[in-house]
N, C-alpha and C. Protein backbone atom coordinates (compact mmCIF):
# COMPACT_ATOMS: atom_id res chain seq x y z
N UNK A 1 106.93 49.64 4.66
CA UNK A 1 107.07 50.31 3.75
C UNK A 1 106.17 51.13 3.05
N UNK A 2 106.73 52.48 2.88
CA UNK A 2 105.93 53.37 2.33
C UNK A 2 105.01 52.77 1.23
N UNK A 3 103.92 53.44 0.77
CA UNK A 3 103.40 53.27 -0.73
C UNK A 3 104.09 54.09 -1.47
N UNK A 4 103.87 53.97 -3.07
CA UNK A 4 104.63 54.44 -3.89
C UNK A 4 103.12 55.31 -4.35
N UNK A 5 103.64 56.63 -4.76
CA UNK A 5 102.65 57.53 -5.30
C UNK A 5 102.31 57.23 -6.42
N UNK A 6 100.89 57.03 -6.78
CA UNK A 6 100.09 56.49 -7.81
C UNK A 6 99.71 57.79 -8.67
N UNK A 7 99.76 58.74 -8.15
CA UNK A 7 99.58 59.98 -9.23
C UNK A 7 100.51 61.06 -8.82
N UNK A 8 101.96 60.50 -9.88
CA UNK A 8 102.79 62.20 -9.24
C UNK A 8 102.70 63.06 -10.20
N UNK A 9 102.53 64.26 -9.86
CA UNK A 9 102.66 65.40 -10.37
C UNK A 9 104.19 66.35 -10.48
N UNK A 10 104.19 67.24 -11.12
CA UNK A 10 105.21 68.19 -11.58
C UNK A 10 104.47 69.49 -12.52
N UNK A 11 105.27 70.59 -12.19
CA UNK A 11 104.78 71.69 -12.57
C UNK A 11 106.41 71.93 -13.74
N UNK A 12 105.62 72.57 -14.98
CA UNK A 12 106.19 72.99 -16.29
C UNK A 12 106.33 74.05 -17.07
N UNK A 13 107.06 75.04 -17.23
CA UNK A 13 106.75 76.40 -17.68
C UNK A 13 106.79 75.92 -19.40
N UNK A 14 105.82 76.87 -19.91
CA UNK A 14 105.84 76.31 -21.59
C UNK A 14 106.70 77.46 -22.35
N UNK A 15 107.51 77.21 -22.88
CA UNK A 15 108.59 77.68 -23.56
C UNK A 15 108.51 78.40 -24.73
N UNK A 16 109.13 79.43 -25.41
CA UNK A 16 108.85 80.17 -26.39
C UNK A 16 109.35 79.04 -27.84
N UNK A 17 110.32 78.31 -27.30
CA UNK A 17 110.25 77.71 -28.84
C UNK A 17 109.54 76.66 -29.28
N UNK A 18 108.75 76.48 -28.39
CA UNK A 18 107.58 75.26 -28.18
C UNK A 18 106.37 75.49 -28.76
N UNK A 19 106.39 76.87 -28.88
CA UNK A 19 104.75 77.37 -29.19
C UNK A 19 105.00 77.67 -30.87
N UNK A 20 103.52 77.46 -31.39
CA UNK A 20 103.36 77.93 -32.80
C UNK A 20 103.42 79.88 -32.83
N UNK A 21 102.74 80.18 -33.87
CA UNK A 21 102.49 81.63 -33.86
C UNK A 21 101.72 82.02 -33.51
N UNK A 22 100.71 81.45 -32.63
CA UNK A 22 99.70 82.07 -31.96
C UNK A 22 99.95 82.13 -30.46
N UNK A 23 101.21 81.66 -29.92
CA UNK A 23 101.86 81.50 -28.48
C UNK A 23 101.14 80.41 -28.14
N UNK A 24 100.74 79.28 -28.72
CA UNK A 24 100.20 78.08 -28.10
C UNK A 24 101.20 77.37 -28.16
N UNK A 25 101.14 76.48 -27.40
CA UNK A 25 102.15 75.37 -27.26
C UNK A 25 101.74 74.11 -28.70
N UNK A 26 102.92 73.89 -29.56
CA UNK A 26 102.61 73.27 -30.49
C UNK A 26 101.79 71.93 -30.40
N UNK A 27 100.92 71.39 -30.97
CA UNK A 27 100.50 69.96 -31.15
C UNK A 27 101.70 68.72 -30.99
N UNK A 28 102.32 68.77 -31.44
CA UNK A 28 103.31 68.14 -31.39
C UNK A 28 104.13 67.71 -30.46
N UNK A 29 104.15 69.17 -29.47
CA UNK A 29 105.12 69.36 -28.41
C UNK A 29 104.75 68.88 -27.05
N UNK A 30 103.08 68.34 -27.18
CA UNK A 30 102.46 68.26 -25.93
C UNK A 30 103.02 66.69 -25.62
N UNK A 31 103.41 65.81 -27.10
CA UNK A 31 103.83 64.52 -26.03
C UNK A 31 105.27 64.65 -25.87
N UNK A 32 106.02 65.61 -26.10
CA UNK A 32 107.16 65.59 -25.34
C UNK A 32 107.33 66.12 -24.14
N UNK A 33 106.29 67.03 -23.75
CA UNK A 33 106.36 67.73 -22.24
C UNK A 33 105.37 66.48 -21.64
N UNK A 34 104.49 65.81 -22.10
CA UNK A 34 104.01 64.49 -21.37
C UNK A 34 105.28 63.43 -21.09
N UNK A 35 105.38 62.93 -22.02
CA UNK A 35 106.89 61.63 -21.80
C UNK A 35 107.91 62.60 -20.94
N UNK A 36 108.44 63.39 -21.16
CA UNK A 36 109.56 64.10 -20.14
C UNK A 36 108.93 64.10 -18.75
N UNK A 37 107.41 64.60 -18.45
CA UNK A 37 107.21 64.60 -17.24
C UNK A 37 107.13 63.35 -16.93
N UNK A 38 106.63 62.39 -17.46
CA UNK A 38 106.55 61.01 -17.00
C UNK A 38 107.93 60.27 -16.57
N UNK A 39 108.88 60.63 -17.44
CA UNK A 39 110.18 59.87 -17.21
C UNK A 39 110.92 60.44 -15.76
N UNK A 40 110.54 61.94 -15.57
CA UNK A 40 110.72 62.56 -14.44
C UNK A 40 110.38 61.67 -12.87
N UNK A 41 108.72 61.77 -13.06
CA UNK A 41 107.87 61.04 -12.62
C UNK A 41 108.47 59.79 -11.92
N UNK A 42 108.75 58.73 -12.85
CA UNK A 42 109.33 57.52 -12.69
C UNK A 42 110.50 57.21 -12.05
N UNK A 43 111.54 58.61 -12.47
CA UNK A 43 112.74 58.86 -11.86
C UNK A 43 112.49 58.95 -10.48
N UNK A 44 111.86 59.79 -9.94
CA UNK A 44 111.64 60.51 -8.80
C UNK A 44 111.12 59.34 -8.09
N UNK A 45 109.93 59.19 -8.18
CA UNK A 45 108.89 58.30 -7.33
C UNK A 45 108.96 56.70 -7.32
N UNK A 46 109.44 56.31 -8.34
CA UNK A 46 109.82 54.87 -8.49
C UNK A 46 111.26 54.29 -8.49
N UNK A 47 112.26 55.63 -8.37
CA UNK A 47 113.64 54.93 -8.44
C UNK A 47 114.01 54.02 -9.63
N UNK A 48 113.51 54.40 -10.86
CA UNK A 48 113.60 53.81 -12.07
C UNK A 48 114.07 54.44 -13.15
N UNK A 49 115.32 54.20 -13.40
CA UNK A 49 115.96 54.90 -14.75
C UNK A 49 115.62 54.07 -16.17
N UNK A 50 114.92 54.38 -17.00
CA UNK A 50 114.35 53.42 -18.15
C UNK A 50 115.44 53.15 -18.96
N UNK A 51 116.60 53.93 -19.12
CA UNK A 51 117.90 53.13 -19.65
C UNK A 51 118.48 52.57 -18.90
N UNK A 52 119.05 52.56 -17.77
CA UNK A 52 119.61 51.69 -17.12
C UNK A 52 118.48 50.14 -16.75
N UNK A 53 117.54 50.42 -16.78
CA UNK A 53 116.65 49.17 -16.79
C UNK A 53 116.57 48.62 -18.04
N UNK A 54 116.80 49.39 -19.54
CA UNK A 54 116.78 48.24 -20.59
C UNK A 54 118.21 47.77 -20.55
N UNK A 55 119.19 48.47 -20.04
CA UNK A 55 120.47 48.03 -20.15
C UNK A 55 120.46 46.46 -19.33
N UNK A 56 120.21 46.99 -18.06
CA UNK A 56 120.20 45.61 -16.92
C UNK A 56 119.43 44.52 -17.32
N UNK A 57 118.27 44.64 -17.69
CA UNK A 57 116.97 43.49 -18.28
C UNK A 57 117.20 43.32 -19.57
N UNK A 58 117.69 44.16 -20.82
CA UNK A 58 117.87 44.00 -22.27
C UNK A 58 116.24 43.98 -22.40
N UNK A 59 115.50 45.13 -21.93
CA UNK A 59 114.27 45.15 -22.44
C UNK A 59 113.84 46.61 -22.00
N UNK A 60 112.33 46.98 -22.43
CA UNK A 60 112.16 47.95 -22.48
C UNK A 60 110.74 48.12 -23.13
N UNK A 61 109.88 49.37 -22.86
CA UNK A 61 108.76 49.36 -23.18
C UNK A 61 108.72 50.32 -24.22
N UNK A 62 108.14 49.54 -25.28
CA UNK A 62 107.65 51.06 -26.80
C UNK A 62 106.46 51.41 -26.74
N UNK A 63 106.24 52.60 -27.06
CA UNK A 63 105.15 53.07 -27.40
C UNK A 63 104.50 52.27 -28.69
N UNK A 64 103.05 51.92 -28.57
CA UNK A 64 102.53 51.43 -29.61
C UNK A 64 101.20 52.16 -29.97
N UNK A 65 101.03 53.25 -29.45
CA UNK A 65 99.73 53.70 -29.57
C UNK A 65 99.22 55.16 -28.42
N UNK A 66 99.09 56.14 -29.05
CA UNK A 66 98.76 57.29 -28.39
C UNK A 66 97.16 57.88 -28.72
N UNK A 67 96.59 58.49 -27.50
CA UNK A 67 95.03 58.75 -27.45
C UNK A 67 95.66 60.48 -27.00
N UNK A 68 95.45 61.40 -27.96
CA UNK A 68 95.34 62.76 -27.32
C UNK A 68 94.12 63.50 -27.62
N UNK A 69 93.62 63.90 -26.57
CA UNK A 69 92.85 65.19 -26.61
C UNK A 69 93.24 66.57 -26.59
N UNK A 70 93.41 67.65 -27.17
CA UNK A 70 93.67 68.99 -27.25
C UNK A 70 92.20 69.62 -26.57
N UNK A 71 92.17 70.50 -25.22
CA UNK A 71 91.23 71.07 -25.06
C UNK A 71 91.48 72.71 -24.80
N UNK A 72 92.18 72.96 -24.12
CA UNK A 72 92.49 74.24 -23.95
C UNK A 72 93.89 74.77 -24.49
N UNK A 73 94.40 75.65 -25.04
CA UNK A 73 95.81 76.00 -24.99
C UNK A 73 96.29 76.06 -24.16
N UNK A 74 97.75 75.67 -24.16
CA UNK A 74 98.90 75.89 -23.21
C UNK A 74 99.59 76.88 -23.80
N UNK A 75 99.71 77.70 -22.99
CA UNK A 75 99.97 79.39 -23.57
C UNK A 75 101.68 79.57 -23.49
N UNK A 76 102.56 80.41 -23.96
CA UNK A 76 103.74 80.29 -23.86
C UNK A 76 104.03 81.14 -22.61
N UNK A 77 105.11 80.83 -21.97
CA UNK A 77 105.02 81.45 -20.45
C UNK A 77 104.45 81.27 -19.21
N UNK A 78 103.38 80.49 -19.56
CA UNK A 78 102.43 79.88 -18.31
C UNK A 78 103.18 78.60 -17.80
N UNK A 79 102.79 78.25 -16.37
CA UNK A 79 103.22 76.84 -15.78
C UNK A 79 102.10 76.08 -16.00
N UNK A 80 102.16 74.95 -16.28
CA UNK A 80 101.57 73.88 -16.38
C UNK A 80 101.82 73.02 -15.00
N UNK A 81 100.54 72.06 -14.81
CA UNK A 81 101.00 70.73 -14.00
C UNK A 81 100.30 69.93 -14.99
N UNK A 82 101.65 68.74 -14.54
CA UNK A 82 101.26 67.47 -15.56
C UNK A 82 101.36 66.83 -14.45
N UNK A 83 100.07 65.31 -14.47
CA UNK A 83 100.10 64.40 -13.59
C UNK A 83 99.98 62.98 -14.55
N UNK A 84 100.69 62.33 -14.35
CA UNK A 84 100.55 60.72 -14.48
C UNK A 84 100.36 60.08 -13.75
N UNK A 85 99.72 58.60 -14.53
CA UNK A 85 99.55 57.39 -13.38
C UNK A 85 99.06 56.12 -14.77
N UNK A 86 99.30 55.11 -14.27
CA UNK A 86 99.34 53.99 -14.67
C UNK A 86 97.54 53.45 -14.54
N UNK A 87 97.06 53.31 -15.66
CA UNK A 87 95.58 52.69 -15.54
C UNK A 87 95.26 51.55 -15.80
N UNK A 88 96.23 50.96 -16.50
CA UNK A 88 95.85 49.23 -16.61
C UNK A 88 97.41 48.80 -17.28
N UNK A 89 97.32 47.53 -16.61
CA UNK A 89 98.47 46.57 -17.36
C UNK A 89 98.27 45.59 -17.06
N UNK A 90 99.01 44.71 -17.72
CA UNK A 90 98.91 43.10 -17.91
C UNK A 90 100.02 42.19 -17.87
N UNK A 91 100.27 41.25 -18.57
CA UNK A 91 101.60 40.39 -18.52
C UNK A 91 103.01 41.06 -19.22
N UNK A 92 102.35 41.99 -20.40
CA UNK A 92 103.37 42.52 -21.42
C UNK A 92 103.04 44.22 -21.79
N UNK A 93 101.94 44.61 -21.46
CA UNK A 93 101.56 45.76 -21.81
C UNK A 93 101.05 46.79 -20.43
N UNK A 94 101.18 48.05 -20.92
CA UNK A 94 100.56 49.14 -20.17
C UNK A 94 100.00 50.34 -20.58
N UNK A 95 99.18 50.91 -19.66
CA UNK A 95 98.74 52.28 -20.16
C UNK A 95 99.18 53.00 -19.70
N UNK A 96 99.06 54.46 -19.79
CA UNK A 96 99.64 55.40 -18.80
C UNK A 96 98.86 56.91 -19.47
N UNK A 97 98.22 57.19 -18.51
CA UNK A 97 97.30 58.38 -18.44
C UNK A 97 98.36 59.37 -18.10
N UNK A 98 98.22 60.65 -19.03
CA UNK A 98 98.93 62.04 -18.40
C UNK A 98 98.19 62.91 -18.74
N UNK A 99 97.75 64.06 -18.01
CA UNK A 99 97.08 65.00 -17.65
C UNK A 99 97.87 66.20 -17.56
N UNK A 100 97.47 67.22 -18.61
CA UNK A 100 98.20 68.48 -18.41
C UNK A 100 96.96 69.72 -18.31
N UNK A 101 97.41 70.22 -17.11
CA UNK A 101 95.94 71.02 -16.20
C UNK A 101 96.99 72.43 -16.12
N UNK A 102 95.70 72.96 -15.90
CA UNK A 102 96.56 74.69 -15.57
C UNK A 102 97.34 74.46 -14.09
N UNK A 103 98.11 75.93 -13.86
CA UNK A 103 99.27 75.83 -12.76
C UNK A 103 98.20 75.13 -11.28
N UNK A 104 97.09 75.76 -11.00
CA UNK A 104 96.24 75.16 -10.11
C UNK A 104 95.71 74.35 -10.09
N UNK A 105 95.88 73.47 -11.24
CA UNK A 105 95.25 72.04 -11.12
C UNK A 105 93.74 72.13 -11.66
N UNK A 106 93.00 72.98 -11.37
CA UNK A 106 91.39 72.86 -11.89
C UNK A 106 91.22 72.96 -13.29
N UNK A 107 91.70 73.20 -13.95
CA UNK A 107 91.45 72.98 -15.98
C UNK A 107 92.36 72.03 -16.40
N UNK A 108 91.38 71.49 -17.39
CA UNK A 108 92.20 70.29 -17.99
C UNK A 108 92.43 70.55 -19.19
N UNK A 109 93.77 70.86 -19.53
CA UNK A 109 93.93 71.35 -21.02
C UNK A 109 94.27 70.11 -22.26
N UNK A 110 95.10 69.37 -21.61
CA UNK A 110 95.12 67.98 -22.53
C UNK A 110 95.25 66.50 -21.51
N UNK A 111 94.71 65.44 -22.35
CA UNK A 111 94.91 64.35 -21.86
C UNK A 111 95.49 63.58 -23.03
N UNK A 112 96.51 62.40 -22.27
CA UNK A 112 96.98 61.33 -23.20
C UNK A 112 96.93 60.19 -22.66
N UNK A 113 96.51 59.38 -23.53
CA UNK A 113 96.75 57.79 -23.18
C UNK A 113 98.11 57.31 -23.79
N UNK A 114 99.16 56.68 -23.46
CA UNK A 114 100.22 56.19 -23.90
C UNK A 114 99.89 54.27 -23.93
N UNK A 115 99.92 53.70 -24.58
CA UNK A 115 99.53 52.33 -24.69
C UNK A 115 101.35 52.08 -24.89
N UNK A 116 101.80 50.97 -23.98
CA UNK A 116 103.25 50.32 -24.41
C UNK A 116 103.13 49.12 -24.33
N UNK A 117 104.30 48.36 -24.93
CA UNK A 117 104.18 46.94 -24.64
C UNK A 117 105.97 46.74 -24.44
N UNK A 118 105.91 46.04 -23.42
CA UNK A 118 107.42 45.19 -22.97
C UNK A 118 108.10 44.43 -24.48
N UNK A 119 109.29 44.97 -24.62
CA UNK A 119 109.88 43.91 -25.38
C UNK A 119 111.09 43.89 -25.16
N UNK A 120 111.75 42.87 -25.74
CA UNK A 120 113.27 41.94 -25.59
C UNK A 120 114.24 42.95 -26.61
N UNK A 121 115.45 43.67 -26.38
CA UNK A 121 116.27 44.13 -26.83
C UNK A 121 117.04 43.14 -27.43
N UNK A 122 117.78 43.18 -28.28
CA UNK A 122 117.30 44.30 -29.14
C UNK A 122 116.47 43.81 -30.33
N UNK A 123 115.98 42.05 -30.06
CA UNK A 123 115.03 41.81 -31.10
C UNK A 123 113.51 42.50 -31.14
N UNK A 124 113.10 43.22 -30.26
CA UNK A 124 111.85 43.89 -30.46
C UNK A 124 110.83 42.76 -30.01
N UNK A 125 111.04 41.88 -29.58
CA UNK A 125 109.71 40.91 -29.56
C UNK A 125 109.15 40.93 -28.20
N UNK A 126 107.74 40.35 -28.02
CA UNK A 126 106.78 40.66 -26.89
C UNK A 126 107.54 40.05 -25.99
N UNK A 127 107.68 40.67 -24.59
CA UNK A 127 108.56 40.02 -23.43
C UNK A 127 107.13 39.98 -22.06
N UNK A 128 107.01 39.47 -21.32
CA UNK A 128 106.31 39.28 -20.22
C UNK A 128 107.28 40.04 -19.29
N UNK A 129 106.24 40.99 -18.19
CA UNK A 129 107.33 41.81 -17.17
C UNK A 129 107.63 40.70 -16.31
N UNK A 130 108.62 40.96 -15.47
CA UNK A 130 109.18 40.18 -14.13
C UNK A 130 108.39 40.18 -13.43
N UNK A 131 108.23 39.12 -12.09
CA UNK A 131 107.23 39.13 -11.10
C UNK A 131 107.73 40.68 -10.51
N UNK A 132 108.90 41.10 -10.22
CA UNK A 132 108.98 42.30 -9.50
C UNK A 132 108.33 43.03 -10.12
N UNK A 133 108.99 43.76 -11.71
CA UNK A 133 107.84 44.50 -12.18
C UNK A 133 106.50 44.41 -11.96
N UNK A 134 105.86 43.19 -12.05
CA UNK A 134 104.22 43.24 -11.83
C UNK A 134 103.66 43.31 -10.37
N UNK A 135 104.75 43.05 -9.35
CA UNK A 135 104.44 43.74 -8.31
C UNK A 135 104.38 45.62 -8.12
N UNK A 136 105.52 46.02 -8.71
CA UNK A 136 105.43 47.30 -8.63
C UNK A 136 104.04 48.06 -9.44
N UNK A 137 104.00 47.57 -10.51
CA UNK A 137 102.72 47.86 -11.54
C UNK A 137 101.83 47.89 -10.69
N UNK A 138 101.53 46.78 -9.88
CA UNK A 138 100.17 46.24 -9.14
C UNK A 138 100.08 47.53 -8.19
N UNK A 139 101.43 47.97 -7.59
CA UNK A 139 101.51 48.69 -6.64
C UNK A 139 100.85 50.10 -6.75
N UNK A 140 101.40 50.42 -8.10
CA UNK A 140 101.06 52.03 -8.85
C UNK A 140 100.20 52.03 -9.29
N UNK A 141 99.42 51.07 -9.65
CA UNK A 141 97.99 51.37 -10.28
C UNK A 141 96.95 51.99 -9.80
N UNK A 142 96.11 52.46 -10.75
CA UNK A 142 95.16 53.25 -10.01
C UNK A 142 93.81 52.54 -10.17
N UNK A 143 93.59 52.21 -9.10
CA UNK A 143 92.52 50.96 -9.23
C UNK A 143 91.27 52.12 -9.32
N UNK A 144 90.79 53.18 -9.08
CA UNK A 144 89.54 54.03 -9.47
C UNK A 144 89.48 54.15 -10.77
N UNK A 145 90.12 53.80 -11.56
CA UNK A 145 89.80 54.06 -13.01
C UNK A 145 89.72 52.76 -13.69
N UNK A 146 88.44 52.51 -14.32
CA UNK A 146 88.13 51.45 -14.97
C UNK A 146 88.66 51.71 -16.31
N UNK A 147 89.63 51.26 -17.01
CA UNK A 147 90.00 51.16 -18.18
C UNK A 147 89.21 50.25 -18.92
N UNK A 148 88.47 51.20 -20.10
CA UNK A 148 88.11 50.74 -21.46
C UNK A 148 88.84 51.04 -22.74
N UNK A 149 89.57 49.81 -23.64
CA UNK A 149 90.17 50.80 -24.71
C UNK A 149 89.66 51.54 -25.59
N UNK A 150 88.60 51.61 -25.65
CA UNK A 150 87.53 52.30 -26.53
C UNK A 150 86.39 53.30 -25.39
N UNK A 151 87.20 53.48 -24.30
CA UNK A 151 86.57 55.08 -23.78
C UNK A 151 87.59 56.12 -23.42
N UNK A 152 88.37 56.16 -24.16
CA UNK A 152 89.10 57.43 -24.22
C UNK A 152 88.17 58.97 -24.20
N UNK A 153 87.35 58.77 -24.96
CA UNK A 153 86.28 60.13 -25.09
C UNK A 153 85.64 60.26 -23.69
N UNK A 154 85.06 59.09 -23.16
CA UNK A 154 84.53 59.10 -22.22
C UNK A 154 85.20 59.82 -20.77
N UNK A 155 86.33 59.02 -20.74
CA UNK A 155 87.48 59.75 -19.81
C UNK A 155 87.84 60.85 -19.98
N UNK A 156 87.86 61.53 -21.13
CA UNK A 156 88.21 63.14 -21.08
C UNK A 156 87.21 63.39 -20.38
N UNK A 157 85.75 63.47 -20.75
CA UNK A 157 84.56 63.75 -20.17
C UNK A 157 84.65 63.68 -18.86
N UNK A 158 84.73 62.52 -18.21
CA UNK A 158 84.43 62.14 -17.09
C UNK A 158 85.83 63.24 -15.74
N UNK A 159 87.15 63.38 -16.66
CA UNK A 159 87.96 63.86 -15.90
C UNK A 159 87.43 65.70 -15.66
N UNK A 160 86.92 66.13 -17.01
CA UNK A 160 86.48 67.47 -17.35
C UNK A 160 85.27 67.92 -16.44
N UNK A 161 84.21 66.70 -15.94
CA UNK A 161 83.24 66.88 -14.96
C UNK A 161 83.72 67.04 -13.77
N UNK A 162 84.60 66.03 -13.46
CA UNK A 162 85.41 65.98 -12.09
C UNK A 162 86.37 67.43 -11.63
N UNK A 163 86.78 67.90 -12.70
CA UNK A 163 87.45 69.28 -12.28
C UNK A 163 86.23 70.28 -12.15
N UNK A 164 85.48 70.33 -12.88
CA UNK A 164 84.25 71.37 -12.63
C UNK A 164 83.45 71.35 -11.91
N UNK A 165 83.33 70.05 -11.15
CA UNK A 165 82.77 70.20 -9.30
C UNK A 165 83.88 70.29 -8.66
N UNK A 166 85.12 70.32 -8.62
CA UNK A 166 86.09 71.18 -7.78
C UNK A 166 86.20 72.42 -8.27
N UNK A 167 86.36 73.04 -9.21
CA UNK A 167 86.09 74.69 -9.38
C UNK A 167 84.78 75.14 -8.60
N UNK A 168 83.84 74.26 -8.69
CA UNK A 168 82.56 75.15 -7.98
C UNK A 168 82.67 75.01 -6.51
N UNK A 169 83.28 73.66 -5.91
CA UNK A 169 83.35 73.59 -4.39
C UNK A 169 84.27 74.40 -4.20
N UNK A 170 85.47 75.20 -4.93
CA UNK A 170 86.48 75.82 -4.38
C UNK A 170 85.33 77.60 -4.70
N UNK A 171 84.49 77.33 -5.58
CA UNK A 171 83.71 78.78 -5.43
C UNK A 171 84.62 79.64 -6.86
N UNK A 172 85.14 79.13 -7.59
CA UNK A 172 85.74 79.59 -8.94
C UNK A 172 84.71 79.56 -9.93
N UNK A 173 84.93 81.00 -11.04
CA UNK A 173 84.35 80.89 -11.93
C UNK A 173 84.49 79.91 -13.13
N UNK A 174 83.21 79.64 -13.91
CA UNK A 174 83.44 78.53 -15.10
C UNK A 174 84.00 79.19 -16.18
């Protein structure tokens, strides 16, 4: 059996209607772009349809918290690369990290952590992941990232430094 992709990525064009008067992606729209990309990643790479999963298991993940850092503007008409990855999970929670980068992947534009809890529908009470879900989460979890709930700013800094080294290696200007 082939391994699941741990960090899927897709490219997206920034649309005019999603931008502010300066031609920058509106701050509120970043979350839409991130969550839409993650939905696409999960459907394509893990064969999971969140709506079908909710109906079949009478359960779903609900977002309990976002941490979002805006670093450089995503401008109208440009193509951005969005990466998503599971960086932490336990019996009923998970944390997904999503990065918006320049089209070449060498500059971090924004970084989001979405914390989610698995809940029973329609009650909304916390529910443990099934054994099958735990196995899948274990397979897609990115073990190289040491998740610290209070370490968001440090993670942003680490990703920026990693990309700076990548640009230097590629001989790109700062």
